[in-house]
PDB file of N, CA and C in Angstrom:
ATOM      1  N   UNK A   1      -8.089 -15.089  23.132  1.00  0.00           N
ATOM      2  CA  UNK A   1      -9.500 -14.799  23.294  1.00  0.00           C
ATOM      3  C   UNK A   1     -10.234 -16.138  23.412  1.00  0.00           C
ATOM      4  N   UNK A   2     -11.025 -16.260  24.455  1.00  0.00           N
ATOM      5  CA  UNK A   2     -11.759 -17.503  24.690  1.00  0.00           C
ATOM      6  C   UNK A   2     -13.108 -17.450  23.969  1.00  0.00           C
ATOM      7  N   UNK A   3     -13.521 -18.591  23.439  1.00  0.00           N
ATOM      8  CA  UNK A   3     -14.807 -18.690  22.755  1.00  0.00           C
ATOM      9  C   UNK A   3     -15.887 -19.117  23.738  1.00  0.00           C
ATOM     10  N   UNK A   4     -16.983 -18.394  23.742  1.00  0.00           N
ATOM     11  CA  UNK A   4     -18.137 -18.731  24.578  1.00  0.00           C
ATOM     12  C   UNK A   4     -19.037 -19.662  23.779  1.00  0.00           C
ATOM     13  N   UNK A   5     -19.352 -20.812  24.380  1.00  0.00           N
ATOM     14  CA  UNK A   5     -20.143 -21.815  23.675  1.00  0.00           C
ATOM     15  C   UNK A   5     -21.478 -22.115  24.336  1.00  0.00           C
ATOM     16  N   UNK A   6     -21.727 -21.533  25.520  1.00  0.00           N
ATOM     17  CA  UNK A   6     -23.013 -21.744  26.191  1.00  0.00           C
ATOM     18  C   UNK A   6     -23.463 -20.435  26.841  1.00  0.00           C
ATOM     19  N   UNK A   7     -24.758 -20.337  27.095  1.00  0.00           N
ATOM     20  CA  UNK A   7     -25.291 -19.168  27.793  1.00  0.00           C
ATOM     21  C   UNK A   7     -24.703 -19.077  29.196  1.00  0.00           C
ATOM     22  N   UNK A   8     -24.470 -20.228  29.815  1.00  0.00           N
ATOM     23  CA  UNK A   8     -23.880 -20.244  31.158  1.00  0.00           C
ATOM     24  C   UNK A   8     -22.469 -19.655  31.133  1.00  0.00           C
ATOM     25  N   UNK A   9     -21.676 -20.019  30.126  1.00  0.00           N
ATOM     26  CA  UNK A   9     -20.328 -19.450  29.999  1.00  0.00           C
ATOM     27  C   UNK A   9     -20.401 -17.938  29.825  1.00  0.00           C
ATOM     28  N   UNK A  10     -21.374 -17.474  29.067  1.00  0.00           N
ATOM     29  CA  UNK A  10     -21.551 -16.037  28.876  1.00  0.00           C
ATOM     30  C   UNK A  10     -21.826 -15.363  30.216  1.00  0.00           C
ATOM     31  N   UNK A  11     -22.737 -15.929  31.003  1.00  0.00           N
ATOM     32  CA  UNK A  11     -23.086 -15.337  32.300  1.00  0.00           C
ATOM     33  C   UNK A  11     -21.885 -15.285  33.235  1.00  0.00           C
ATOM     34  N   UNK A  12     -21.090 -16.346  33.255  1.00  0.00           N
ATOM     35  CA  UNK A  12     -19.885 -16.363  34.091  1.00  0.00           C
ATOM     36  C   UNK A  12     -18.908 -15.290  33.613  1.00  0.00           C
ATOM     37  N   UNK A  13     -18.723 -15.189  32.300  1.00  0.00           N
ATOM     38  CA  UNK A  13     -17.771 -14.229  31.732  1.00  0.00           C
ATOM     39  C   UNK A  13     -18.128 -12.794  32.093  1.00  0.00           C
ATOM     40  N   UNK A  14     -19.411 -12.444  32.019  1.00  0.00           N
ATOM     41  CA  UNK A  14     -19.785 -11.043  32.248  1.00  0.00           C
ATOM     42  C   UNK A  14     -19.950 -10.708  33.723  1.00  0.00           C
ATOM     43  N   UNK A  15     -19.979 -11.718  34.582  1.00  0.00           N
ATOM     44  CA  UNK A  15     -20.262 -11.482  36.000  1.00  0.00           C
ATOM     45  C   UNK A  15     -19.025 -11.221  36.839  1.00  0.00           C
ATOM     46  N   UNK A  16     -17.876 -11.334  36.253  1.00  0.00           N
ATOM     47  CA  UNK A  16     -16.634 -11.136  36.991  1.00  0.00           C
ATOM     48  C   UNK A  16     -16.462  -9.675  37.391  1.00  0.00           C
ATOM     49  N   UNK A  17     -15.734  -9.454  38.480  1.00  0.00           N
ATOM     50  CA  UNK A  17     -15.387  -8.095  38.877  1.00  0.00           C
ATOM     51  C   UNK A  17     -14.374  -7.484  37.927  1.00  0.00           C
ATOM     52  N   UNK A  18     -13.615  -8.347  37.237  1.00  0.00           N
ATOM     53  CA  UNK A  18     -12.665  -7.875  36.226  1.00  0.00           C
ATOM     54  C   UNK A  18     -13.448  -7.582  34.947  1.00  0.00           C
ATOM     55  N   UNK A  19     -13.214  -6.436  34.327  1.00  0.00           N
ATOM     56  CA  UNK A  19     -13.961  -6.122  33.103  1.00  0.00           C
ATOM     57  C   UNK A  19     -13.740  -7.185  32.023  1.00  0.00           C
ATOM     58  N   UNK A  20     -14.819  -7.531  31.346  1.00  0.00           N
ATOM     59  CA  UNK A  20     -14.764  -8.513  30.264  1.00  0.00           C
ATOM     60  C   UNK A  20     -15.225  -7.849  28.973  1.00  0.00           C
ATOM     61  N   UNK A  21     -14.491  -8.119  27.917  1.00  0.00           N
ATOM     62  CA  UNK A  21     -14.877  -7.637  26.592  1.00  0.00           C
ATOM     63  C   UNK A  21     -15.360  -8.837  25.794  1.00  0.00           C
ATOM     64  N   UNK A  22     -16.579  -8.716  25.292  1.00  0.00           N
ATOM     65  CA  UNK A  22     -17.181  -9.783  24.500  1.00  0.00           C
ATOM     66  C   UNK A  22     -17.283  -9.306  23.055  1.00  0.00           C
ATOM     67  N   UNK A  23     -16.634 -10.042  22.168  1.00  0.00           N
ATOM     68  CA  UNK A  23     -16.728  -9.736  20.735  1.00  0.00           C
ATOM     69  C   UNK A  23     -17.862 -10.577  20.146  1.00  0.00           C
ATOM     70  N   UNK A  24     -18.901  -9.907  19.665  1.00  0.00           N
ATOM     71  CA  UNK A  24     -19.970 -10.586  18.942  1.00  0.00           C
ATOM     72  C   UNK A  24     -19.579 -10.600  17.469  1.00  0.00           C
ATOM     73  N   UNK A  25     -19.643 -11.781  16.863  1.00  0.00           N
ATOM     74  CA  UNK A  25     -19.244 -11.936  15.463  1.00  0.00           C
ATOM     75  C   UNK A  25     -20.138 -12.983  14.807  1.00  0.00           C
ATOM     76  N   UNK A  26     -19.953 -13.181  13.510  1.00  0.00           N
ATOM     77  CA  UNK A  26     -20.511 -14.339  12.811  1.00  0.00           C
ATOM     78  C   UNK A  26     -19.427 -14.870  11.879  1.00  0.00           C
ATOM     79  N   UNK A  27     -19.608 -16.096  11.426  1.00  0.00           N
ATOM     80  CA  UNK A  27     -18.600 -16.711  10.560  1.00  0.00           C
ATOM     81  C   UNK A  27     -18.630 -16.154   9.141  1.00  0.00           C
ATOM     82  N   UNK A  28     -19.732 -15.532   8.738  1.00  0.00           N
ATOM     83  CA  UNK A  28     -19.886 -15.072   7.354  1.00  0.00           C
ATOM     84  C   UNK A  28     -19.633 -13.570   7.180  1.00  0.00           C
ATOM     85  N   UNK A  29     -19.308 -12.872   8.242  1.00  0.00           N
ATOM     86  CA  UNK A  29     -19.215 -11.409   8.229  1.00  0.00           C
ATOM     87  C   UNK A  29     -17.833 -10.925   7.761  1.00  0.00           C
ATOM     88  N   UNK A  30     -17.754 -10.193   6.636  1.00  0.00           N
ATOM     89  CA  UNK A  30     -16.462  -9.691   6.153  1.00  0.00           C
ATOM     90  C   UNK A  30     -15.778  -8.747   7.143  1.00  0.00           C
ATOM     91  N   UNK A  31     -16.545  -7.883   7.812  1.00  0.00           N
ATOM     92  CA  UNK A  31     -15.932  -6.968   8.779  1.00  0.00           C
ATOM     93  C   UNK A  31     -15.382  -7.724   9.986  1.00  0.00           C
ATOM     94  N   UNK A  32     -16.009  -8.838  10.339  1.00  0.00           N
ATOM     95  CA  UNK A  32     -15.494  -9.667  11.438  1.00  0.00           C
ATOM     96  C   UNK A  32     -14.141 -10.258  11.047  1.00  0.00           C
ATOM     97  N   UNK A  33     -14.027 -10.703   9.809  1.00  0.00           N
ATOM     98  CA  UNK A  33     -12.758 -11.260   9.328  1.00  0.00           C
ATOM     99  C   UNK A  33     -11.674 -10.190   9.328  1.00  0.00           C
ATOM    100  N   UNK A  34     -12.036  -8.981   8.964  1.00  0.00           N
ATOM    101  CA  UNK A  34     -11.077  -7.877   8.975  1.00  0.00           C
ATOM    102  C   UNK A  34     -10.627  -7.588  10.410  1.00  0.00           C
ATOM    103  N   UNK A  35     -11.578  -7.551  11.345  1.00  0.00           N
ATOM    104  CA  UNK A  35     -11.246  -7.325  12.755  1.00  0.00           C
ATOM    105  C   UNK A  35     -10.297  -8.410  13.266  1.00  0.00           C
ATOM    106  N   UNK A  36     -10.523  -9.649  12.852  1.00  0.00           N
ATOM    107  CA  UNK A  36      -9.671 -10.752  13.293  1.00  0.00           C
ATOM    108  C   UNK A  36      -8.225 -10.579  12.852  1.00  0.00           C
ATOM    109  N   UNK A  37      -7.998  -9.817  11.787  1.00  0.00           N
ATOM    110  CA  UNK A  37      -6.640  -9.620  11.287  1.00  0.00           C
ATOM    111  C   UNK A  37      -5.791  -8.793  12.248  1.00  0.00           C
ATOM    112  N   UNK A  38      -6.423  -7.956  13.091  1.00  0.00           N
ATOM    113  CA  UNK A  38      -5.629  -7.109  13.988  1.00  0.00           C
ATOM    114  C   UNK A  38      -6.000  -7.223  15.462  1.00  0.00           C
ATOM    115  N   UNK A  39      -7.017  -7.991  15.796  1.00  0.00           N
ATOM    116  CA  UNK A  39      -7.489  -7.990  17.183  1.00  0.00           C
ATOM    117  C   UNK A  39      -6.500  -8.649  18.149  1.00  0.00           C
ATOM    118  N   UNK A  40      -5.707  -9.624  17.691  1.00  0.00           N
ATOM    119  CA  UNK A  40      -4.785 -10.309  18.609  1.00  0.00           C
ATOM    120  C   UNK A  40      -3.790  -9.347  19.246  1.00  0.00           C
ATOM    121  N   UNK A  41      -3.270  -8.402  18.472  1.00  0.00           N
ATOM    122  CA  UNK A  41      -2.334  -7.414  19.024  1.00  0.00           C
ATOM    123  C   UNK A  41      -3.026  -6.546  20.070  1.00  0.00           C
ATOM    124  N   UNK A  42      -4.269  -6.203  19.825  1.00  0.00           N
ATOM    125  CA  UNK A  42      -5.018  -5.367  20.766  1.00  0.00           C
ATOM    126  C   UNK A  42      -5.300  -6.141  22.047  1.00  0.00           C
ATOM    127  N   UNK A  43      -5.683  -7.406  21.916  1.00  0.00           N
ATOM    128  CA  UNK A  43      -5.923  -8.249  23.101  1.00  0.00           C
ATOM    129  C   UNK A  43      -4.656  -8.312  23.948  1.00  0.00           C
ATOM    130  N   UNK A  44      -3.521  -8.472  23.304  1.00  0.00           N
ATOM    131  CA  UNK A  44      -2.233  -8.534  24.011  1.00  0.00           C
ATOM    132  C   UNK A  44      -1.939  -7.210  24.727  1.00  0.00           C
ATOM    133  N   UNK A  45      -2.225  -6.100  24.080  1.00  0.00           N
ATOM    134  CA  UNK A  45      -1.937  -4.785  24.663  1.00  0.00           C
ATOM    135  C   UNK A  45      -2.911  -4.397  25.773  1.00  0.00           C
ATOM    136  N   UNK A  46      -4.093  -4.976  25.765  1.00  0.00           N
ATOM    137  CA  UNK A  46      -5.120  -4.639  26.760  1.00  0.00           C
ATOM    138  C   UNK A  46      -5.444  -5.868  27.611  1.00  0.00           C
ATOM    139  N   UNK A  47      -4.403  -6.396  28.229  1.00  0.00           N
ATOM    140  CA  UNK A  47      -4.534  -7.595  29.052  1.00  0.00           C
ATOM    141  C   UNK A  47      -5.251  -7.376  30.369  1.00  0.00           C
ATOM    142  N   UNK A  48      -5.564  -6.128  30.699  1.00  0.00           N
ATOM    143  CA  UNK A  48      -6.311  -5.870  31.940  1.00  0.00           C
ATOM    144  C   UNK A  48      -7.767  -6.307  31.810  1.00  0.00           C
ATOM    145  N   UNK A  49      -8.180  -6.677  30.600  1.00  0.00           N
ATOM    146  CA  UNK A  49      -9.535  -7.166  30.349  1.00  0.00           C
ATOM    147  C   UNK A  49      -9.491  -8.668  30.072  1.00  0.00           C
ATOM    148  N   UNK A  50     -10.569  -9.359  30.431  1.00  0.00           N
ATOM    149  CA  UNK A  50     -10.769 -10.729  29.965  1.00  0.00           C
ATOM    150  C   UNK A  50     -11.471 -10.623  28.616  1.00  0.00           C
ATOM    151  N   UNK A  51     -10.957 -11.316  27.622  1.00  0.00           N
ATOM    152  CA  UNK A  51     -11.486 -11.225  26.260  1.00  0.00           C
ATOM    153  C   UNK A  51     -12.196 -12.517  25.876  1.00  0.00           C
ATOM    154  N   UNK A  52     -13.386 -12.374  25.304  1.00  0.00           N
ATOM    155  CA  UNK A  52     -14.187 -13.508  24.862  1.00  0.00           C
ATOM    156  C   UNK A  52     -14.804 -13.180  23.505  1.00  0.00           C
ATOM    157  N   UNK A  53     -15.186 -14.231  22.793  1.00  0.00           N
ATOM    158  CA  UNK A  53     -15.934 -14.043  21.554  1.00  0.00           C
ATOM    159  C   UNK A  53     -17.126 -14.985  21.553  1.00  0.00           C
ATOM    160  N   UNK A  54     -18.204 -14.536  20.904  1.00  0.00           N
ATOM    161  CA  UNK A  54     -19.426 -15.328  20.827  1.00  0.00           C
ATOM    162  C   UNK A  54     -20.052 -15.122  19.455  1.00  0.00           C
ATOM    163  N   UNK A  55     -20.504 -16.210  18.863  1.00  0.00           N
ATOM    164  CA  UNK A  55     -21.134 -16.158  17.542  1.00  0.00           C
ATOM    165  C   UNK A  55     -22.585 -15.700  17.708  1.00  0.00           C
ATOM    166  N   UNK A  56     -22.883 -14.531  17.192  1.00  0.00           N
ATOM    167  CA  UNK A  56     -24.223 -13.972  17.351  1.00  0.00           C
ATOM    168  C   UNK A  56     -25.289 -14.866  16.728  1.00  0.00           C
ATOM    169  N   UNK A  57     -24.956 -15.566  15.654  1.00  0.00           N
ATOM    170  CA  UNK A  57     -25.933 -16.453  15.022  1.00  0.00           C
ATOM    171  C   UNK A  57     -26.322 -17.623  15.929  1.00  0.00           C
ATOM    172  N   UNK A  58     -25.408 -18.052  16.785  1.00  0.00           N
ATOM    173  CA  UNK A  58     -25.703 -19.159  17.698  1.00  0.00           C
ATOM    174  C   UNK A  58     -26.464 -18.696  18.940  1.00  0.00           C
ATOM    175  N   UNK A  59     -26.380 -17.400  19.250  1.00  0.00           N
ATOM    176  CA  UNK A  59     -27.026 -16.862  20.449  1.00  0.00           C
ATOM    177  C   UNK A  59     -27.794 -15.579  20.118  1.00  0.00           C
ATOM    178  N   UNK A  60     -28.792 -15.676  19.227  1.00  0.00           N
ATOM    179  CA  UNK A  60     -29.512 -14.463  18.820  1.00  0.00           C
ATOM    180  C   UNK A  60     -30.214 -13.770  19.990  1.00  0.00           C
ATOM    181  N   UNK A  61     -30.622 -14.535  20.993  1.00  0.00           N
ATOM    182  CA  UNK A  61     -31.307 -13.928  22.140  1.00  0.00           C
ATOM    183  C   UNK A  61     -30.368 -13.019  22.929  1.00  0.00           C
ATOM    184  N   UNK A  62     -29.086 -13.370  23.010  1.00  0.00           N
ATOM    185  CA  UNK A  62     -28.124 -12.503  23.698  1.00  0.00           C
ATOM    186  C   UNK A  62     -27.848 -11.255  22.863  1.00  0.00           C
ATOM    187  N   UNK A  63     -27.745 -11.430  21.559  1.00  0.00           N
ATOM    188  CA  UNK A  63     -27.569 -10.275  20.687  1.00  0.00           C
ATOM    189  C   UNK A  63     -28.719  -9.298  20.818  1.00  0.00           C
ATOM    190  N   UNK A  64     -29.920  -9.837  20.893  1.00  0.00           N
ATOM    191  CA  UNK A  64     -31.101  -8.987  21.043  1.00  0.00           C
ATOM    192  C   UNK A  64     -31.114  -8.301  22.409  1.00  0.00           C
ATOM    193  N   UNK A  65     -30.865  -9.076  23.443  1.00  0.00           N
ATOM    194  CA  UNK A  65     -30.905  -8.544  24.811  1.00  0.00           C
ATOM    195  C   UNK A  65     -29.932  -7.381  24.994  1.00  0.00           C
ATOM    196  N   UNK A  66     -28.743  -7.507  24.385  1.00  0.00           N
ATOM    197  CA  UNK A  66     -27.708  -6.487  24.575  1.00  0.00           C
ATOM    198  C   UNK A  66     -27.584  -5.540  23.386  1.00  0.00           C
ATOM    199  N   UNK A  67     -28.591  -5.516  22.526  1.00  0.00           N
ATOM    200  CA  UNK A  67     -28.705  -4.566  21.422  1.00  0.00           C
ATOM    201  C   UNK A  67     -27.527  -4.623  20.450  1.00  0.00           C
ATOM    202  N   UNK A  68     -27.130  -5.842  20.103  1.00  0.00           N
ATOM    203  CA  UNK A  68     -26.088  -6.038  19.100  1.00  0.00           C
ATOM    204  C   UNK A  68     -26.790  -6.050  17.746  1.00  0.00           C
ATOM    205  N   UNK A  69     -26.849  -4.881  17.132  1.00  0.00           N
ATOM    206  CA  UNK A  69     -27.572  -4.731  15.874  1.00  0.00           C
ATOM    207  C   UNK A  69     -26.676  -4.945  14.669  1.00  0.00           C
ATOM    208  N   UNK A  70     -25.379  -4.785  14.844  1.00  0.00           N
ATOM    209  CA  UNK A  70     -24.420  -4.985  13.772  1.00  0.00           C
ATOM    210  C   UNK A  70     -23.241  -5.774  14.297  1.00  0.00           C
ATOM    211  N   UNK A  71     -22.540  -6.411  13.383  1.00  0.00           N
ATOM    212  CA  UNK A  71     -21.374  -7.182  13.774  1.00  0.00           C
ATOM    213  C   UNK A  71     -20.191  -6.774  12.915  1.00  0.00           C
ATOM    214  N   UNK A  72     -18.996  -6.812  13.438  1.00  0.00           N
ATOM    215  CA  UNK A  72     -18.673  -7.165  14.817  1.00  0.00           C
ATOM    216  C   UNK A  72     -19.045  -6.034  15.778  1.00  0.00           C
ATOM    217  N   UNK A  73     -19.291  -6.414  17.004  1.00  0.00           N
ATOM    218  CA  UNK A  73     -19.501  -5.443  18.080  1.00  0.00           C
ATOM    219  C   UNK A  73     -18.697  -5.895  19.286  1.00  0.00           C
ATOM    220  N   UNK A  74     -18.127  -4.934  19.989  1.00  0.00           N
ATOM    221  CA  UNK A  74     -17.416  -5.222  21.235  1.00  0.00           C
ATOM    222  C   UNK A  74     -18.230  -4.647  22.380  1.00  0.00           C
ATOM    223  N   UNK A  75     -18.592  -5.504  23.329  1.00  0.00           N
ATOM    224  CA  UNK A  75     -19.344  -5.074  24.505  1.00  0.00           C
ATOM    225  C   UNK A  75     -18.465  -5.262  25.726  1.00  0.00           C
ATOM    226  N   UNK A  76     -18.497  -4.303  26.621  1.00  0.00           N
ATOM    227  CA  UNK A  76     -17.697  -4.364  27.838  1.00  0.00           C
ATOM    228  C   UNK A  76     -18.643  -4.528  29.021  1.00  0.00           C
ATOM    229  N   UNK A  77     -18.345  -5.527  29.842  1.00  0.00           N
ATOM    230  CA  UNK A  77     -19.159  -5.821  31.021  1.00  0.00           C
ATOM    231  C   UNK A  77     -18.300  -5.782  32.274  1.00  0.00           C
ATOM    232  N   UNK A  78     -18.922  -5.366  33.363  1.00  0.00           N
ATOM    233  CA  UNK A  78     -18.302  -5.471  34.687  1.00  0.00           C
ATOM    234  C   UNK A  78     -19.418  -5.818  35.669  1.00  0.00           C
ATOM    235  N   UNK A  79     -19.180  -6.836  36.473  1.00  0.00           N
ATOM    236  CA  UNK A  79     -20.167  -7.271  37.473  1.00  0.00           C
ATOM    237  C   UNK A  79     -21.552  -7.501  36.863  1.00  0.00           C
ATOM    238  N   UNK A  80     -21.594  -8.070  35.665  1.00  0.00           N
ATOM    239  CA  UNK A  80     -22.858  -8.413  35.027  1.00  0.00           C
ATOM    240  C   UNK A  80     -23.562  -7.281  34.312  1.00  0.00           C
ATOM    241  N   UNK A  81     -22.968  -6.105  34.326  1.00  0.00           N
ATOM    242  CA  UNK A  81     -23.607  -4.934  33.721  1.00  0.00           C
ATOM    243  C   UNK A  81     -22.821  -4.468  32.503  1.00  0.00           C
ATOM    244  N   UNK A  82     -23.547  -4.185  31.406  1.00  0.00           N
ATOM    245  CA  UNK A  82     -22.883  -3.650  30.209  1.00  0.00           C
ATOM    246  C   UNK A  82     -22.515  -2.202  30.477  1.00  0.00           C
ATOM    247  N   UNK A  83     -21.215  -1.892  30.358  1.00  0.00           N
ATOM    248  CA  UNK A  83     -20.760  -0.529  30.642  1.00  0.00           C
ATOM    249  C   UNK A  83     -20.320   0.222  29.386  1.00  0.00           C
ATOM    250  N   UNK A  84     -20.144  -0.501  28.272  1.00  0.00           N
ATOM    251  CA  UNK A  84     -19.743   0.167  27.029  1.00  0.00           C
ATOM    252  C   UNK A  84     -20.039  -0.753  25.851  1.00  0.00           C
ATOM    253  N   UNK A  85     -20.167  -0.143  24.671  1.00  0.00           N
ATOM    254  CA  UNK A  85     -20.520  -0.895  23.462  1.00  0.00           C
ATOM    255  C   UNK A  85     -19.877  -0.194  22.264  1.00  0.00           C
ATOM    256  N   UNK A  86     -19.004  -0.904  21.576  1.00  0.00           N
ATOM    257  CA  UNK A  86     -18.433  -0.395  20.329  1.00  0.00           C
ATOM    258  C   UNK A  86     -19.217  -1.028  19.187  1.00  0.00           C
ATOM    259  N   UNK A  87     -19.986  -0.209  18.494  1.00  0.00           N
ATOM    260  CA  UNK A  87     -20.844  -0.699  17.419  1.00  0.00           C
ATOM    261  C   UNK A  87     -20.025  -1.001  16.172  1.00  0.00           C
ATOM    262  N   UNK A  88     -20.552  -1.856  15.343  1.00  0.00           N
ATOM    263  CA  UNK A  88     -19.837  -2.340  14.165  1.00  0.00           C
ATOM    264  C   UNK A  88     -19.337  -1.227  13.256  1.00  0.00           C
ATOM    265  N   UNK A  89     -20.093  -0.172  13.106  1.00  0.00           N
ATOM    266  CA  UNK A  89     -19.698   0.918  12.208  1.00  0.00           C
ATOM    267  C   UNK A  89     -18.414   1.596  12.668  1.00  0.00           C
ATOM    268  N   UNK A  90     -18.097   1.478  13.971  1.00  0.00           N
ATOM    269  CA  UNK A  90     -16.912   2.130  14.530  1.00  0.00           C
ATOM    270  C   UNK A  90     -15.812   1.144  14.896  1.00  0.00           C
ATOM    271  N   UNK A  91     -15.908  -0.094  14.414  1.00  0.00           N
ATOM    272  CA  UNK A  91     -14.936  -1.128  14.791  1.00  0.00           C
ATOM    273  C   UNK A  91     -14.212  -1.687  13.575  1.00  0.00           C
ATOM    274  N   UNK A  92     -13.909  -0.818  12.621  1.00  0.00           N
ATOM    275  CA  UNK A  92     -13.344  -1.296  11.365  1.00  0.00           C
ATOM    276  C   UNK A  92     -11.818  -1.190  11.279  1.00  0.00           C
ATOM    277  N   UNK A  93     -11.208  -0.394  12.150  1.00  0.00           N
ATOM    278  CA  UNK A  93      -9.754  -0.236  12.091  1.00  0.00           C
ATOM    279  C   UNK A  93      -9.155  -0.420  13.484  1.00  0.00           C
ATOM    280  N   UNK A  94      -7.861  -0.764  13.545  1.00  0.00           N
ATOM    281  CA  UNK A  94      -7.214  -0.872  14.857  1.00  0.00           C
ATOM    282  C   UNK A  94      -7.286   0.443  15.630  1.00  0.00           C
ATOM    283  N   UNK A  95      -7.176   1.550  14.923  1.00  0.00           N
ATOM    284  CA  UNK A  95      -7.211   2.855  15.584  1.00  0.00           C
ATOM    285  C   UNK A  95      -8.563   3.109  16.250  1.00  0.00           C
ATOM    286  N   UNK A  96      -9.642   2.735  15.577  1.00  0.00           N
ATOM    287  CA  UNK A  96     -10.978   2.921  16.161  1.00  0.00           C
ATOM    288  C   UNK A  96     -11.162   2.061  17.407  1.00  0.00           C
ATOM    289  N   UNK A  97     -10.700   0.820  17.345  1.00  0.00           N
ATOM    290  CA  UNK A  97     -10.842  -0.076  18.499  1.00  0.00           C
ATOM    291  C   UNK A  97      -9.984   0.426  19.657  1.00  0.00           C
ATOM    292  N   UNK A  98      -8.755   0.831  19.374  1.00  0.00           N
ATOM    293  CA  UNK A  98      -7.877   1.343  20.440  1.00  0.00           C
ATOM    294  C   UNK A  98      -8.444   2.628  21.062  1.00  0.00           C
ATOM    295  N   UNK A  99      -8.989   3.510  20.252  1.00  0.00           N
ATOM    296  CA  UNK A  99      -9.578   4.748  20.783  1.00  0.00           C
ATOM    297  C   UNK A  99     -10.752   4.421  21.704  1.00  0.00           C
ATOM    298  N   UNK A 100     -11.565   3.453  21.319  1.00  0.00           N
ATOM    299  CA  UNK A 100     -12.676   3.018  22.169  1.00  0.00           C
ATOM    300  C   UNK A 100     -12.150   2.490  23.505  1.00  0.00           C
ATOM    301  N   UNK A 101     -11.149   1.623  23.454  1.00  0.00           N
ATOM    302  CA  UNK A 101     -10.617   1.030  24.686  1.00  0.00           C
ATOM    303  C   UNK A 101      -9.988   2.086  25.588  1.00  0.00           C
ATOM    304  N   UNK A 102      -9.327   3.067  24.997  1.00  0.00           N
ATOM    305  CA  UNK A 102      -8.712   4.132  25.795  1.00  0.00           C
ATOM    306  C   UNK A 102      -9.757   5.021  26.449  1.00  0.00           C
ATOM    307  N   UNK A 103     -10.963   5.045  25.898  1.00  0.00           N
ATOM    308  CA  UNK A 103     -12.017   5.894  26.457  1.00  0.00           C
ATOM    309  C   UNK A 103     -12.767   5.227  27.617  1.00  0.00           C
ATOM    310  N   UNK A 104     -12.496   3.956  27.858  1.00  0.00           N
ATOM    311  CA  UNK A 104     -13.227   3.234  28.906  1.00  0.00           C
ATOM    312  C   UNK A 104     -12.846   3.735  30.290  1.00  0.00           C
ATOM    313  N   UNK A 105     -13.811   3.710  31.224  1.00  0.00           N
ATOM    314  CA  UNK A 105     -13.487   4.096  32.603  1.00  0.00           C
ATOM    315  C   UNK A 105     -12.517   3.092  33.214  1.00  0.00           C
ATOM    316  N   UNK A 106     -11.644   3.573  34.061  1.00  0.00           N
ATOM    317  CA  UNK A 106     -10.624   2.705  34.683  1.00  0.00           C
ATOM    318  C   UNK A 106     -11.242   1.702  35.626  1.00  0.00           C
TER     319      UNK A 106
END
């Protein structure tokens, strides 16, 4: 998973024709740490997506723009448009994350 460090990198990541999943997190969030314990296996299994992570505290304007009200959140973009959003309340187990990914349009 690549780390986004600038707004420009974020724009490039979400503008691709290949779907991109952006994980919004913070360094102090316990649920984010829990997600990190199992996300690598999921990233490996869902290689058809480009995976990125961004610290919501460093980019609050992006969190606001894309309605990231809780963390962690997984947002899916294609061609610059948000097509799906897994909210923090539903991203606590590997099963919840996998069910979300399986529900995405092809």
